[in-house]
Amino acid sequence: MKMNQASPTQPDQREEMANTSVAHASELTRRDEAAPEMRMLSLTDVLTGLYNRHGFFLQPEQIYKLRGASVPKAP
């Protein structure tokens, strides 16, 4: 009996690994495409489209960052 022969399942394992890699890549792509929509949903109200509390307070912080000023801290 030769020990160097490839097992009959080796091609199956390679194919399974390739399929798993493709599935993983497609899931990462899907997640990356959904990220901007999820971010917008986290900052706005679903019914009105207006900023929620988090989005409302995040907006001035971004403006201060663009101006190069520090955000004033609450007393």
Protein backbone atom coordinates (compact mmCIF):
# COMPACT_ATOMS: atom_id res chain seq x y z
CA MET A 1 0.00 0.00 0.00
CA LYS A 2 1.43 3.36 -1.03
CA MET A 3 1.27 6.18 1.54
CA ASN A 4 1.89 9.02 -0.94
CA GLN A 5 -1.34 8.58 -2.86
CA ALA A 6 -3.87 11.40 -2.53
CA SER A 7 -6.97 10.40 -0.69
CA PRO A 8 -10.15 10.28 -2.77
CA THR A 9 -11.67 13.03 -0.64
CA GLN A 10 -8.90 15.57 -1.27
CA PRO A 11 -10.49 16.99 -4.47
CA ASP A 12 -13.83 17.16 -2.63
CA GLN A 13 -12.19 19.06 0.22
CA ARG A 14 -10.60 21.51 -2.18
CA GLU A 15 -13.90 22.09 -3.94
CA GLU A 16 -15.65 22.60 -0.60
CA MET A 17 -12.97 25.09 0.49
CA ALA A 18 -13.34 26.98 -2.81
CA ASN A 19 -17.12 27.10 -2.45
CA THR A 20 -16.80 28.30 1.15
CA SER A 21 -14.38 31.03 0.09
CA VAL A 22 -16.74 32.22 -2.64
CA ALA A 23 -19.68 32.23 -0.23
CA HIS A 24 -17.65 34.17 2.34
CA ALA A 25 -16.57 36.74 -0.26
CA SER A 26 -20.13 37.25 -1.46
CA GLU A 27 -21.34 37.70 2.13
CA LEU A 28 -18.66 40.34 2.76
CA THR A 29 -19.65 42.15 -0.44
CA ARG A 30 -23.31 42.09 0.57
CA ARG A 31 -22.42 43.46 4.02
CA ASP A 32 -20.31 46.25 2.54
CA GLU A 33 -23.11 47.23 0.17
CA ALA A 34 -25.64 47.34 3.03
CA ALA A 35 -23.43 49.41 5.39
CA PRO A 36 -24.41 52.90 4.12
CA GLU A 37 -28.12 52.09 4.36
CA MET A 38 -27.71 50.66 7.85
CA ARG A 39 -25.82 53.79 8.91
CA MET A 40 -28.61 56.03 7.58
CA LEU A 41 -31.23 53.91 9.34
CA SER A 42 -29.31 54.27 12.60
CA LEU A 43 -29.35 58.08 12.32
CA THR A 44 -32.89 58.72 11.06
CA ASP A 45 -36.46 57.93 11.94
CA VAL A 46 -37.90 55.27 9.64
CA LEU A 47 -41.32 56.93 9.25
CA THR A 48 -40.34 60.58 8.85
CA GLY A 49 -36.77 60.37 7.56
CA LEU A 50 -35.78 63.07 10.06
CA TYR A 51 -32.70 62.73 12.24
CA ASN A 52 -33.24 60.88 15.47
CA ARG A 53 -31.56 61.98 18.70
CA HIS A 54 -28.22 60.43 17.79
CA GLY A 55 -28.27 61.89 14.28
CA PHE A 56 -29.33 65.29 15.58
CA PHE A 57 -26.38 65.52 17.97
CA LEU A 58 -23.91 64.00 15.53
CA GLN A 59 -24.50 66.71 12.94
CA PRO A 60 -22.98 69.62 14.97
CA GLU A 61 -20.00 67.43 15.90
CA GLN A 62 -19.25 66.87 12.22
CA ILE A 63 -19.56 70.60 11.50
CA TYR A 64 -17.10 71.41 14.30
CA LYS A 65 -14.67 68.81 12.96
CA LEU A 66 -14.86 70.34 9.48
CA ARG A 67 -14.17 73.78 10.91
CA GLY A 68 -11.22 72.45 12.88
CA ALA A 69 -12.67 73.58 16.19
CA SER A 70 -13.12 71.41 19.23
CA VAL A 71 -16.60 70.43 20.30
CA PRO A 72 -17.63 72.37 23.42
CA LYS A 73 -18.24 70.12 26.42
CA ALA A 74 -21.38 70.40 28.50
CA PRO A 75 -20.84 71.94 31.96
